[in-house]
Amino acid sequence: MQGEDKKGKVKKGWLAVMVDEDQRRFVIPIAYLYHPLFRRLLEAAKDAYGYHYSSGPLRLPCSVDEFLRLRALVERDTSSAHSSSSSHRVHLAPCTRAKVTS
């Protein structure tokens, strides 16, 4: 998996997250945390779980499908920011149910 070494240890510049519904683990670039959509998801995590420190991955309160959609949007925004300006708007309903409009 990208962002992890062979022993499953998270590489520098990456962050492990746990999607709450299925307890499925993902590793994402830390830069994603600065994206507005991920910031909303972090707010939802704060509301759901508070700021209590726990060891292990950051828990996110959404389904795997929602997380994968969100990750794809962030990746697309990141890649389009390097090539050209993005022309879509993203609407985020409670807990990251994202939809794209042109």
C-alpha atoms as a PDB file:
ATOM      1  CA  MET A   1       0.000   0.000   0.000  1.00  0.00           C
ATOM      2  CA  GLN A   2       1.280   3.453  -0.872  1.00  0.00           C
ATOM      3  CA  GLY A   3       2.436   5.380   2.219  1.00  0.00           C
ATOM      4  CA  GLU A   4       3.354   2.222   4.143  1.00  0.00           C
ATOM      5  CA  ASP A   5       6.499   0.163   4.324  1.00  0.00           C
ATOM      6  CA  LYS A   6       6.553  -3.633   4.083  1.00  0.00           C
ATOM      7  CA  LYS A   7       5.879  -3.994   7.828  1.00  0.00           C
ATOM      8  CA  GLY A   8       2.733  -1.840   7.637  1.00  0.00           C
ATOM      9  CA  LYS A   9       4.394   1.141   9.313  1.00  0.00           C
ATOM     10  CA  VAL A  10       3.167   4.515   8.022  1.00  0.00           C
ATOM     11  CA  LYS A  11       5.818   6.469   6.138  1.00  0.00           C
ATOM     12  CA  LYS A  12       6.733  10.066   6.898  1.00  0.00           C
ATOM     13  CA  GLY A  13       4.235  12.469   5.307  1.00  0.00           C
ATOM     14  CA  TRP A  14       1.349   9.980   5.471  1.00  0.00           C
ATOM     15  CA  LEU A  15      -1.427   9.301   7.991  1.00  0.00           C
ATOM     16  CA  ALA A  16      -3.381   6.166   8.820  1.00  0.00           C
ATOM     17  CA  VAL A  17      -7.157   6.600   9.080  1.00  0.00           C
ATOM     18  CA  MET A  18      -9.845   4.124  10.073  1.00  0.00           C
ATOM     19  CA  VAL A  19     -13.201   4.381   8.320  1.00  0.00           C
ATOM     20  CA  ASP A  20     -15.584   3.795  11.181  1.00  0.00           C
ATOM     21  CA  GLU A  21     -18.415   1.859   9.570  1.00  0.00           C
ATOM     22  CA  ASP A  22     -16.285  -1.102   8.475  1.00  0.00           C
ATOM     23  CA  GLN A  23     -13.168  -0.432  10.567  1.00  0.00           C
ATOM     24  CA  ARG A  24     -11.206  -0.413   7.317  1.00  0.00           C
ATOM     25  CA  ARG A  25      -7.762   1.181   7.395  1.00  0.00           C
ATOM     26  CA  PHE A  26      -6.436   3.564   4.744  1.00  0.00           C
ATOM     27  CA  VAL A  27      -3.212   5.548   4.500  1.00  0.00           C
ATOM     28  CA  ILE A  28      -3.485   9.047   3.042  1.00  0.00           C
ATOM     29  CA  PRO A  29      -1.024  11.883   2.410  1.00  0.00           C
ATOM     30  CA  ILE A  30      -1.023  14.394   5.252  1.00  0.00           C
ATOM     31  CA  ALA A  31      -1.594  17.131   2.662  1.00  0.00           C
ATOM     32  CA  TYR A  32      -5.184  15.853   2.288  1.00  0.00           C
ATOM     33  CA  LEU A  33      -5.968  17.194   5.763  1.00  0.00           C
ATOM     34  CA  TYR A  34      -5.713  20.740   4.420  1.00  0.00           C
ATOM     35  CA  HIS A  35      -8.348  20.169   1.739  1.00  0.00           C
ATOM     36  CA  PRO A  36     -11.752  21.753   2.597  1.00  0.00           C
ATOM     37  CA  LEU A  37     -13.599  18.424   2.211  1.00  0.00           C
ATOM     38  CA  PHE A  38     -11.268  16.623   4.586  1.00  0.00           C
ATOM     39  CA  ARG A  39     -11.513  19.532   7.021  1.00  0.00           C
ATOM     40  CA  ARG A  40     -15.284  18.989   7.112  1.00  0.00           C
ATOM     41  CA  LEU A  41     -14.745  15.300   7.696  1.00  0.00           C
ATOM     42  CA  LEU A  42     -12.350  16.118  10.546  1.00  0.00           C
ATOM     43  CA  GLU A  43     -15.019  18.370  12.070  1.00  0.00           C
ATOM     44  CA  ALA A  44     -17.490  15.471  11.835  1.00  0.00           C
ATOM     45  CA  ALA A  45     -14.914  13.235  13.545  1.00  0.00           C
ATOM     46  CA  LYS A  46     -14.471  15.811  16.315  1.00  0.00           C
ATOM     47  CA  ASP A  47     -18.245  15.995  16.795  1.00  0.00           C
ATOM     48  CA  ALA A  48     -18.575  12.207  16.845  1.00  0.00           C
ATOM     49  CA  TYR A  49     -15.538  11.290  18.939  1.00  0.00           C
ATOM     50  CA  GLY A  50     -14.192  14.470  20.536  1.00  0.00           C
ATOM     51  CA  TYR A  51     -10.530  15.359  20.833  1.00  0.00           C
ATOM     52  CA  HIS A  52      -9.548  12.428  23.018  1.00  0.00           C
ATOM     53  CA  TYR A  53      -6.148  11.072  22.077  1.00  0.00           C
ATOM     54  CA  SER A  54      -5.901   7.420  21.254  1.00  0.00           C
ATOM     55  CA  SER A  55      -3.074   5.535  19.713  1.00  0.00           C
ATOM     56  CA  GLY A  56      -3.639   4.131  16.270  1.00  0.00           C
ATOM     57  CA  PRO A  57      -5.342   5.487  13.174  1.00  0.00           C
ATOM     58  CA  LEU A  58      -7.564   8.554  13.126  1.00  0.00           C
ATOM     59  CA  ARG A  59     -11.216   7.430  13.146  1.00  0.00           C
ATOM     60  CA  LEU A  60     -13.507   8.879  10.489  1.00  0.00           C
ATOM     61  CA  PRO A  61     -17.314   8.710  10.807  1.00  0.00           C
ATOM     62  CA  CYS A  62     -18.348   7.682   7.303  1.00  0.00           C
ATOM     63  CA  SER A  63     -18.813   4.632   5.134  1.00  0.00           C
ATOM     64  CA  VAL A  64     -16.047   3.196   2.969  1.00  0.00           C
ATOM     65  CA  ASP A  65     -17.928   4.283  -0.173  1.00  0.00           C
ATOM     66  CA  GLU A  66     -18.223   7.854   1.133  1.00  0.00           C
ATOM     67  CA  PHE A  67     -14.539   7.891   2.034  1.00  0.00           C
ATOM     68  CA  LEU A  68     -13.494   6.563  -1.377  1.00  0.00           C
ATOM     69  CA  ARG A  69     -15.634   9.196  -3.141  1.00  0.00           C
ATOM     70  CA  LEU A  70     -14.149  11.920  -0.965  1.00  0.00           C
ATOM     71  CA  ARG A  71     -10.600  10.676  -1.565  1.00  0.00           C
ATOM     72  CA  ALA A  72     -11.197  10.626  -5.342  1.00  0.00           C
ATOM     73  CA  LEU A  73     -12.474  14.217  -5.263  1.00  0.00           C
ATOM     74  CA  VAL A  74      -9.465  15.366  -3.254  1.00  0.00           C
ATOM     75  CA  GLU A  75      -7.072  13.537  -5.590  1.00  0.00           C
ATOM     76  CA  ARG A  76      -8.783  15.085  -8.603  1.00  0.00           C
ATOM     77  CA  ASP A  77      -8.618  18.558  -7.040  1.00  0.00           C
ATOM     78  CA  THR A  78      -4.963  18.038  -6.188  1.00  0.00           C
ATOM     79  CA  SER A  79      -4.037  16.889  -9.675  1.00  0.00           C
ATOM     80  CA  SER A  80      -6.138  19.557 -11.418  1.00  0.00           C
ATOM     81  CA  ALA A  81      -4.601  22.259  -9.219  1.00  0.00           C
ATOM     82  CA  HIS A  82      -1.235  21.326 -10.690  1.00  0.00           C
ATOM     83  CA  SER A  83      -2.472  21.322 -14.290  1.00  0.00           C
ATOM     84  CA  SER A  84      -5.327  23.852 -14.412  1.00  0.00           C
ATOM     85  CA  SER A  85      -8.018  25.433 -12.302  1.00  0.00           C
ATOM     86  CA  SER A  86     -10.900  23.240 -11.214  1.00  0.00           C
ATOM     87  CA  SER A  87     -14.335  24.134 -12.585  1.00  0.00           C
ATOM     88  CA  HIS A  88     -16.527  22.029 -10.323  1.00  0.00           C
ATOM     89  CA  ARG A  89     -18.082  22.727  -6.969  1.00  0.00           C
ATOM     90  CA  VAL A  90     -18.385  20.104  -4.288  1.00  0.00           C
ATOM     91  CA  HIS A  91     -21.386  20.030  -1.974  1.00  0.00           C
ATOM     92  CA  LEU A  92     -20.958  18.164   1.264  1.00  0.00           C
ATOM     93  CA  ALA A  93     -23.988  16.894   3.115  1.00  0.00           C
ATOM     94  CA  PRO A  94     -23.677  15.686   6.708  1.00  0.00           C
ATOM     95  CA  CYS A  95     -20.904  13.133   7.125  1.00  0.00           C
ATOM     96  CA  THR A  96     -19.279  13.588   3.701  1.00  0.00           C
ATOM     97  CA  ARG A  97     -21.980  12.519   1.285  1.00  0.00           C
ATOM     98  CA  ALA A  98     -20.353  14.473  -1.505  1.00  0.00           C
ATOM     99  CA  LYS A  99     -21.733  15.205  -4.925  1.00  0.00           C
ATOM    100  CA  VAL A 100     -20.119  17.118  -7.733  1.00  0.00           C
ATOM    101  CA  THR A 101     -21.829  19.716  -9.885  1.00  0.00           C
ATOM    102  CA  SER A 102     -20.337  21.490 -12.883  1.00  0.00           C
END
